[in-house]
Amino acid sequence: MGQLYEQIAAAPGGRVSYADYMNMALYDAQAGYYMRERTKIGRKGDFITNSSFAAVFGKALASFFIRIVERGGLPPAICEWGGGDGRLALAILEEWEKKSPDTYRELSYTIIDQSLFHRQRQRETLRAAADKVEQYDNVSRWLAERGPFSGIVFSNEFFDALPIHVIAKEQGILYECFVAARDGRLVEEKEPLCNLDIARYLAERGLSLAEGQRLEVPLAARSFWLDIGPQFRQAVMVTIDYGYTDEQLRAPARRHGSLRGYFRHRLVPDPLHRPGEMDLTAHVQWDAIRLYARQTGWEEVAFLRQDRFLLAAGLLDEWAVSKSAELFAPPSREDRMLRALVADDGISRFFDVLIGQKGVKLPIPDIWAAPEFLP
């Protein structure tokens, strides 16, 4: 904690916003969690995510993307925001080459990832497809060099890691919460809300807090969309993440907010615990993402839970029930992955998928392998 504590102690008043704290704790070049050279995903890391099921998750995504290209008229180009260790990209590329070799020859795959460690892992993972993949550390830099992008924009758990501000309502007064360095510890402090950007966000979203409620304010996601969203010409966006709609945010169970940490597969309610050593995340406010996508010219195609998306995209086409008597033989492992992705109590119950289009009109329902699974 030492380096991060010193940075916060040196800030005006010895404190920073939660957004600045998350930037430090996650992305600081020396002390940030995502910058550390250690495994973060999977059994040896801190959390399980969709990329942990890359062998089958990537197959369904590849099949969906191929239909978008072949039937929707888009060029075979993918830009993935936040590539993690590259396993999901590898699964998509391998499946694409098998299922559509003609479009694969023209396929380009760009990964945007701020973490140098992750980009190194991606190069190792994707060595066999190095001629297809390019990497950038920043979306704005990529767009500045390449210009307006046409193709498929894909992200898996990207927006939940963007920094957020935190506000709370106590005795009828709105406060912003801060992280302060005091006597060798990081503590939370509050002051009446005076950040005009936060006030504007609440007004344009029509949000109000109940007494005692805490709320994350995703100003970084708002700025990201308003800056980046207009810079796409003909594109389809597939955004996968966990989050809440405004209606869900109003539920009493969510009055304490969603900012938390994950360390060695354990949820850590206190985001000030182990700064720089654990993942920090807050649930996406889906209606905010949908609003700013619309404001920047994107038309919503679908918004549905991940298991429904995977089934409609053709996950059952990949189903192969294991005939092996050996429990951990590869077919059996894949079978368990498939079940985990579509079971009612599996990982997909936590995730939603937002699909948008800009400058194109997708031939619906032709892009779906099994439209009967759509809500």
Protein backbone atom coordinates (compact mmCIF):
# COMPACT_ATOMS: atom_id res chain seq x y z
CA MET A 1 0.00 0.00 0.00
CA GLY A 2 2.97 2.29 0.60
CA GLN A 3 3.31 3.88 -2.81
CA LEU A 4 -0.42 4.42 -3.29
CA TYR A 5 -0.75 5.80 0.24
CA GLU A 6 2.01 8.30 -0.44
CA GLN A 7 0.38 9.41 -3.70
CA ILE A 8 -2.94 10.00 -1.95
CA ALA A 9 -1.28 11.73 1.02
CA ALA A 10 0.44 14.12 -1.44
CA ALA A 11 -2.87 15.09 -3.09
CA PRO A 12 -4.62 18.33 -2.01
CA GLY A 13 -6.10 17.75 1.42
CA GLY A 14 -4.55 14.29 1.51
CA ARG A 15 -7.46 12.74 -0.33
CA VAL A 16 -8.73 11.83 -3.80
CA SER A 17 -12.03 10.88 -5.41
CA TYR A 18 -12.90 7.21 -5.70
CA ALA A 19 -12.33 7.57 -9.46
CA ASP A 20 -8.76 8.75 -8.88
CA TYR A 21 -8.24 6.02 -6.30
CA MET A 22 -9.40 3.34 -8.75
CA ASN A 23 -7.10 4.75 -11.43
CA MET A 24 -4.19 4.49 -9.03
CA ALA A 25 -5.09 1.10 -7.57
CA LEU A 26 -5.76 -0.51 -10.95
CA TYR A 27 -3.65 1.32 -13.53
CA ASP A 28 -0.67 2.95 -11.82
CA ALA A 29 2.41 1.98 -13.83
CA GLN A 30 4.24 0.57 -10.80
CA ALA A 31 1.61 -0.21 -8.17
CA GLY A 32 -1.60 -0.81 -10.17
CA TYR A 33 -3.29 -4.19 -9.97
CA TYR A 34 -3.70 -4.62 -13.72
CA MET A 35 -0.07 -3.64 -14.30
CA ARG A 36 1.36 -6.28 -11.97
CA GLU A 37 3.03 -9.30 -13.52
CA ARG A 38 0.85 -11.94 -11.94
CA THR A 39 -2.01 -14.15 -13.04
CA LYS A 40 -5.40 -12.56 -12.37
CA ILE A 41 -7.91 -14.79 -14.18
CA GLY A 42 -8.68 -18.44 -13.47
CA ARG A 43 -7.97 -20.82 -10.60
CA LYS A 44 -4.52 -19.34 -9.95
CA GLY A 45 -5.80 -15.77 -10.08
CA ASP A 46 -8.41 -13.73 -8.23
CA PHE A 47 -11.61 -14.27 -10.22
CA ILE A 48 -13.36 -16.40 -12.83
CA THR A 49 -14.74 -14.69 -15.92
CA ASN A 50 -16.16 -15.59 -19.31
CA SER A 51 -12.66 -15.98 -20.72
CA SER A 52 -12.23 -18.88 -18.29
CA PHE A 53 -14.68 -20.71 -20.60
CA ALA A 54 -12.92 -19.48 -23.75
CA ALA A 55 -12.85 -22.91 -25.41
CA VAL A 56 -16.62 -22.88 -25.87
CA PHE A 57 -17.52 -19.23 -25.28
CA GLY A 58 -15.23 -18.21 -28.12
CA LYS A 59 -16.82 -20.73 -30.48
CA ALA A 60 -20.28 -19.23 -30.03
CA LEU A 61 -18.94 -15.69 -30.42
CA ALA A 62 -17.00 -16.61 -33.55
CA SER A 63 -20.07 -18.19 -35.14
CA PHE A 64 -22.11 -15.06 -34.35
CA PHE A 65 -19.43 -12.73 -35.68
CA ILE A 66 -19.08 -14.75 -38.89
CA ARG A 67 -22.81 -14.45 -39.57
CA ILE A 68 -22.61 -10.70 -39.00
CA VAL A 69 -19.83 -10.45 -41.57
CA GLU A 70 -21.25 -12.88 -44.14
CA ARG A 71 -24.89 -11.81 -43.89
CA GLY A 72 -24.57 -8.25 -42.63
CA GLY A 73 -22.03 -7.05 -45.14
CA LEU A 74 -19.43 -5.84 -42.62
CA PRO A 75 -15.70 -6.16 -43.29
CA PRO A 76 -14.01 -8.98 -41.31
CA ALA A 77 -12.43 -6.78 -38.68
CA ILE A 78 -12.72 -7.03 -34.89
CA CYS A 79 -11.65 -4.59 -32.22
CA GLU A 80 -11.71 -6.02 -28.69
CA TRP A 81 -11.64 -3.56 -25.79
CA GLY A 82 -9.70 -5.16 -22.95
CA GLY A 83 -8.24 -8.50 -24.05
CA GLY A 84 -7.14 -10.02 -20.74
CA ASP A 85 -4.77 -12.92 -21.32
CA GLY A 86 -5.82 -13.35 -24.96
CA ARG A 87 -7.44 -16.77 -24.57
CA LEU A 88 -10.83 -15.57 -25.74
CA ALA A 89 -9.33 -13.89 -28.80
CA LEU A 90 -7.46 -17.10 -29.62
CA ALA A 91 -10.62 -19.20 -29.37
CA ILE A 92 -12.47 -16.77 -31.67
CA LEU A 93 -9.65 -16.76 -34.23
CA GLU A 94 -9.23 -20.54 -34.26
CA GLU A 95 -12.95 -21.14 -34.68
CA TRP A 96 -13.23 -18.45 -37.36
CA GLU A 97 -10.45 -20.07 -39.40
CA LYS A 98 -12.20 -23.44 -39.26
CA LYS A 99 -15.70 -22.20 -40.05
CA SER A 100 -15.03 -19.46 -42.60
CA PRO A 101 -11.54 -19.73 -44.12
CA ASP A 102 -12.40 -17.31 -46.92
CA THR A 103 -13.29 -14.43 -44.58
CA TYR A 104 -10.51 -15.46 -42.19
CA ARG A 105 -7.90 -14.65 -44.82
CA GLU A 106 -9.08 -11.02 -44.71
CA LEU A 107 -9.70 -10.91 -40.96
CA SER A 108 -7.92 -8.39 -38.74
CA TYR A 109 -8.13 -8.48 -34.93
CA THR A 110 -7.18 -5.47 -32.80
CA ILE A 111 -6.89 -5.64 -29.02
CA ILE A 112 -6.94 -2.49 -26.90
CA ASP A 113 -5.49 -3.09 -23.43
CA GLN A 114 -3.86 -0.60 -21.10
CA SER A 115 -1.91 -3.23 -19.19
CA LEU A 116 1.61 -3.92 -20.50
CA PHE A 117 1.57 -7.26 -18.68
CA HIS A 118 -1.67 -8.27 -20.38
CA ARG A 119 -0.35 -7.24 -23.79
CA GLN A 120 2.71 -9.41 -23.21
CA ARG A 121 0.50 -12.36 -22.23
CA GLN A 122 -1.64 -11.78 -25.31
CA ARG A 123 1.41 -11.92 -27.57
CA GLU A 124 2.42 -15.22 -26.00
CA THR A 125 -1.09 -16.67 -26.27
CA LEU A 126 -1.65 -15.44 -29.82
CA ARG A 127 1.78 -16.23 -31.21
CA ALA A 128 0.33 -18.59 -33.84
CA ALA A 129 -2.02 -15.84 -35.09
CA ALA A 130 0.45 -12.96 -34.80
CA ASP A 131 -0.13 -11.92 -38.41
CA LYS A 132 -3.81 -11.28 -37.62
CA VAL A 133 -3.43 -9.34 -34.38
CA GLU A 134 -2.37 -5.82 -33.57
CA GLN A 135 -2.30 -4.24 -30.11
CA TYR A 136 -2.80 -0.77 -28.71
CA ASP A 137 -2.79 0.55 -25.17
CA ASN A 138 -5.42 3.22 -25.79
CA VAL A 139 -8.62 3.41 -27.86
CA SER A 140 -8.10 7.07 -28.75
CA ARG A 141 -4.56 6.39 -30.02
CA TRP A 142 -5.82 3.49 -32.11
CA LEU A 143 -8.55 5.58 -33.69
CA ALA A 144 -6.17 8.50 -34.25
CA GLU A 145 -3.80 6.25 -36.18
CA ARG A 146 -6.37 4.14 -37.98
CA GLY A 147 -9.25 6.56 -38.48
CA PRO A 148 -12.96 5.68 -38.30
CA PHE A 149 -13.40 1.94 -37.81
CA SER A 150 -15.73 -0.39 -39.69
CA GLY A 151 -16.29 -3.89 -38.34
CA ILE A 152 -17.21 -5.51 -35.02
CA VAL A 153 -16.50 -3.78 -31.70
CA PHE A 154 -16.40 -6.34 -28.92
CA SER A 155 -15.86 -6.06 -25.17
CA ASN A 156 -16.09 -8.55 -22.33
CA GLU A 157 -16.06 -7.02 -18.83
CA PHE A 158 -14.51 -3.75 -19.96
CA PHE A 159 -16.85 -1.11 -18.56
CA ASP A 160 -17.02 -2.60 -15.03
CA ALA A 161 -13.33 -1.76 -14.55
CA LEU A 162 -13.60 1.91 -15.54
CA PRO A 163 -13.16 4.31 -12.59
CA ILE A 164 -16.30 5.58 -10.85
CA HIS A 165 -17.16 8.33 -8.39
CA VAL A 166 -19.19 7.45 -5.30
CA ILE A 167 -22.00 9.50 -3.81
CA ALA A 168 -24.32 8.96 -0.84
CA LYS A 169 -27.44 10.55 0.60
CA GLU A 170 -27.54 11.12 4.35
CA GLN A 171 -30.16 13.15 6.23
CA GLY A 172 -31.41 14.56 2.95
CA ILE A 173 -27.98 15.81 1.81
CA LEU A 174 -26.02 14.45 -1.18
CA TYR A 175 -22.37 13.79 -0.43
CA GLU A 176 -19.43 12.75 -2.56
CA CYS A 177 -17.23 10.11 -0.95
CA PHE A 178 -13.44 10.40 -1.03
CA VAL A 179 -10.46 8.22 -0.17
CA ALA A 180 -8.13 9.88 2.36
CA ALA A 181 -4.68 8.99 3.70
CA ARG A 182 -4.83 9.35 7.46
CA ASP A 183 -2.36 8.02 10.06
CA GLY A 184 -1.02 5.27 7.83
CA ARG A 185 -4.46 4.04 6.73
CA LEU A 186 -6.82 4.69 3.86
CA VAL A 187 -10.22 5.85 5.09
CA GLU A 188 -13.39 7.19 3.51
CA GLU A 189 -14.40 10.82 3.98
CA LYS A 190 -17.47 12.68 2.72
CA GLU A 191 -18.30 16.25 1.82
CA PRO A 192 -21.47 17.81 0.38
CA LEU A 193 -21.63 17.23 -3.35
CA CYS A 194 -20.09 20.07 -5.35
CA ASN A 195 -18.91 18.23 -8.46
CA LEU A 196 -20.96 19.73 -11.30
CA ASP A 197 -20.23 16.80 -13.62
CA ILE A 198 -21.83 14.42 -11.13
CA ALA A 199 -24.84 16.72 -10.73
CA ARG A 200 -25.20 16.89 -14.51
CA TYR A 201 -25.02 13.10 -14.76
CA LEU A 202 -27.80 12.66 -12.21
CA ALA A 203 -29.95 15.25 -13.99
CA GLU A 204 -29.55 13.87 -17.51
CA ARG A 205 -30.15 10.34 -16.26
CA GLY A 206 -33.12 11.35 -14.11
CA LEU A 207 -31.64 9.62 -11.06
CA SER A 208 -32.38 10.45 -7.44
CA LEU A 209 -31.10 8.71 -4.34
CA ALA A 210 -33.17 7.35 -1.48
CA GLU A 211 -32.18 8.20 2.07
CA GLY A 212 -29.13 6.15 3.02
CA GLN A 213 -28.38 5.06 -0.54
CA ARG A 214 -24.90 4.93 -2.10
CA LEU A 215 -24.44 5.09 -5.86
CA GLU A 216 -21.51 4.79 -8.24
CA VAL A 217 -21.34 7.55 -10.87
CA PRO A 218 -19.60 6.35 -14.06
CA LEU A 219 -18.27 9.64 -15.41
CA ALA A 220 -15.39 7.80 -17.12
CA ALA A 221 -17.83 5.58 -19.03
CA ARG A 222 -19.85 8.65 -20.00
CA SER A 223 -16.75 10.45 -21.29
CA PHE A 224 -15.58 7.31 -23.07
CA TRP A 225 -18.81 6.98 -25.01
CA LEU A 226 -19.16 10.65 -25.86
CA ASP A 227 -15.53 10.75 -27.09
CA ILE A 228 -15.26 7.35 -28.77
CA GLY A 229 -18.83 6.50 -29.79
CA PRO A 230 -18.99 8.95 -32.72
CA GLN A 231 -15.75 7.64 -34.27
CA PHE A 232 -17.23 4.56 -35.90
CA ARG A 233 -18.54 4.45 -39.45
CA GLN A 234 -20.15 1.05 -40.15
CA ALA A 235 -19.96 -1.14 -37.10
CA VAL A 236 -21.70 -3.61 -34.83
CA MET A 237 -21.04 -3.42 -31.11
CA VAL A 238 -21.27 -6.44 -28.79
CA THR A 239 -20.84 -5.44 -25.13
CA ILE A 240 -20.82 -8.13 -22.44
CA ASP A 241 -20.73 -7.18 -18.78
CA TYR A 242 -22.48 -7.45 -15.43
CA GLY A 243 -24.62 -4.60 -14.23
CA TYR A 244 -28.01 -3.21 -13.34
CA THR A 245 -30.77 -1.35 -15.13
CA ASP A 246 -32.20 1.74 -13.44
CA GLU A 247 -35.16 -0.30 -12.21
CA GLN A 248 -32.81 -2.80 -10.60
CA LEU A 249 -30.77 0.00 -9.04
CA ARG A 250 -33.84 1.15 -7.11
CA ALA A 251 -34.20 -2.19 -5.33
CA PRO A 252 -33.57 -1.94 -1.55
CA ALA A 253 -30.94 -4.70 -1.78
CA ARG A 254 -28.75 -2.42 -3.93
CA ARG A 255 -28.88 0.70 -1.77
CA HIS A 256 -25.29 0.17 -0.59
CA GLY A 257 -23.74 0.31 -4.06
CA SER A 258 -21.70 -2.29 -5.91
CA LEU A 259 -18.05 -1.18 -5.63
CA ARG A 260 -16.00 -4.06 -4.24
CA GLY A 261 -12.81 -6.03 -4.65
CA TYR A 262 -11.88 -9.60 -5.52
CA PHE A 263 -8.84 -11.31 -4.08
CA ARG A 264 -8.09 -15.01 -4.58
CA HIS A 265 -11.70 -15.72 -5.49
CA ARG A 266 -13.09 -14.01 -2.41
CA LEU A 267 -15.34 -10.98 -2.53
CA VAL A 268 -13.86 -8.11 -0.50
CA PRO A 269 -16.59 -5.60 0.49
CA ASP A 270 -14.09 -2.91 1.50
CA PRO A 271 -12.56 -1.39 -1.67
CA LEU A 272 -9.82 0.23 0.43
CA HIS A 273 -8.48 -3.16 1.50
CA ARG A 274 -5.30 -4.35 -0.26
CA PRO A 275 -4.98 -1.38 -2.66
CA GLY A 276 -3.16 -2.42 -5.81
CA GLU A 277 -3.26 -6.10 -4.82
CA MET A 278 -6.87 -6.92 -5.73
CA ASP A 279 -9.28 -6.28 -8.54
CA LEU A 280 -11.75 -3.41 -8.07
CA THR A 281 -15.05 -3.40 -9.90
CA ALA A 282 -18.48 -1.79 -9.92
CA HIS A 283 -21.58 -3.01 -11.71
CA VAL A 284 -22.29 -1.31 -15.02
CA GLN A 285 -25.29 1.01 -15.16
CA TRP A 286 -26.79 -0.44 -18.30
CA ASP A 287 -29.30 2.31 -18.96
CA ALA A 288 -26.44 4.82 -18.93
CA ILE A 289 -24.49 2.80 -21.51
CA ARG A 290 -27.61 2.52 -23.66
CA LEU A 291 -28.31 6.25 -23.37
CA TYR A 292 -24.83 7.38 -24.38
CA ALA A 293 -24.67 4.82 -27.18
CA ARG A 294 -27.88 6.29 -28.61
CA GLN A 295 -26.57 9.83 -28.20
CA THR A 296 -23.50 8.95 -30.28
CA GLY A 297 -25.44 7.42 -33.14
CA TRP A 298 -25.77 3.76 -32.20
CA GLU A 299 -29.05 1.92 -32.70
CA GLU A 300 -29.86 -0.81 -30.20
CA VAL A 301 -30.39 -4.23 -31.74
CA ALA A 302 -30.78 -6.36 -28.61
CA PHE A 303 -30.30 -6.33 -24.85
CA LEU A 304 -30.59 -9.72 -23.17
CA ARG A 305 -29.13 -11.98 -20.54
CA GLN A 306 -25.96 -13.76 -21.56
CA ASP A 307 -27.35 -17.29 -21.52
CA ARG A 308 -30.18 -16.26 -23.87
CA PHE A 309 -27.66 -14.57 -26.14
CA LEU A 310 -25.41 -17.63 -26.25
CA LEU A 311 -28.29 -19.96 -27.01
CA ALA A 312 -29.62 -17.66 -29.74
CA ALA A 313 -26.11 -17.24 -31.12
CA GLY A 314 -25.78 -21.01 -31.53
CA LEU A 315 -24.07 -22.37 -28.43
CA LEU A 316 -26.10 -25.58 -28.67
CA ASP A 317 -24.55 -26.19 -32.06
CA GLU A 318 -21.25 -26.56 -30.23
CA TRP A 319 -22.65 -29.01 -27.70
CA ALA A 320 -20.89 -32.34 -27.71
CA VAL A 321 -21.78 -34.66 -24.85
CA SER A 322 -18.71 -36.49 -23.72
CA LYS A 323 -18.51 -40.23 -24.43
CA SER A 324 -15.31 -40.56 -22.47
CA ALA A 325 -15.18 -42.49 -19.24
CA GLU A 326 -12.32 -40.31 -18.08
CA LEU A 327 -13.79 -37.44 -16.09
CA PHE A 328 -11.17 -34.87 -17.06
CA ALA A 329 -10.78 -35.81 -20.71
CA PRO A 330 -11.07 -32.72 -22.96
CA PRO A 331 -14.61 -33.48 -24.24
CA SER A 332 -15.86 -33.85 -20.66
CA ARG A 333 -14.26 -30.57 -19.62
CA GLU A 334 -15.84 -28.79 -22.58
CA ASP A 335 -19.18 -30.33 -21.73
CA ARG A 336 -18.98 -28.91 -18.21
CA MET A 337 -18.08 -25.49 -19.60
CA LEU A 338 -21.11 -25.52 -21.84
CA ARG A 339 -23.37 -26.47 -18.97
CA ALA A 340 -21.91 -23.74 -16.76
CA LEU A 341 -22.67 -21.15 -19.45
CA VAL A 342 -26.32 -22.07 -20.00
CA ALA A 343 -27.47 -23.45 -16.62
CA ASP A 344 -29.94 -21.24 -14.75
CA ASP A 345 -27.55 -21.04 -11.81
CA GLY A 346 -24.40 -20.73 -13.96
CA ILE A 347 -22.12 -17.81 -14.62
CA SER A 348 -24.32 -16.32 -17.35
CA ARG A 349 -26.99 -15.26 -14.85
CA PHE A 350 -24.68 -12.43 -13.79
CA PHE A 351 -24.10 -11.06 -17.30
CA ASP A 352 -26.04 -9.18 -19.95
CA VAL A 353 -25.26 -8.51 -23.60
CA LEU A 354 -25.91 -5.26 -25.42
CA ILE A 355 -25.79 -5.31 -29.23
CA GLY A 356 -25.85 -2.13 -31.26
CA GLN A 357 -25.33 -1.12 -34.87
CA LYS A 358 -24.17 2.06 -36.55
CA GLY A 359 -24.20 2.80 -40.27
CA VAL A 360 -25.51 -0.71 -41.04
CA LYS A 361 -28.78 -2.60 -40.83
CA LEU A 362 -28.30 -6.15 -39.66
CA PRO A 363 -30.54 -8.72 -41.35
CA ILE A 364 -32.47 -9.85 -38.30
CA PRO A 365 -33.18 -12.72 -37.60
CA ASP A 366 -30.61 -14.04 -40.10
CA ILE A 367 -27.73 -13.26 -37.76
CA TRP A 368 -29.14 -15.63 -35.12
CA ALA A 369 -28.61 -19.38 -35.28
CA ALA A 370 -31.58 -20.05 -32.96
CA PRO A 371 -33.84 -16.98 -32.79
CA GLU A 372 -36.40 -18.97 -30.81
CA PHE A 373 -34.25 -18.38 -27.72
CA LEU A 374 -34.61 -14.61 -27.98
CA PRO A 375 -36.92 -13.02 -25.38
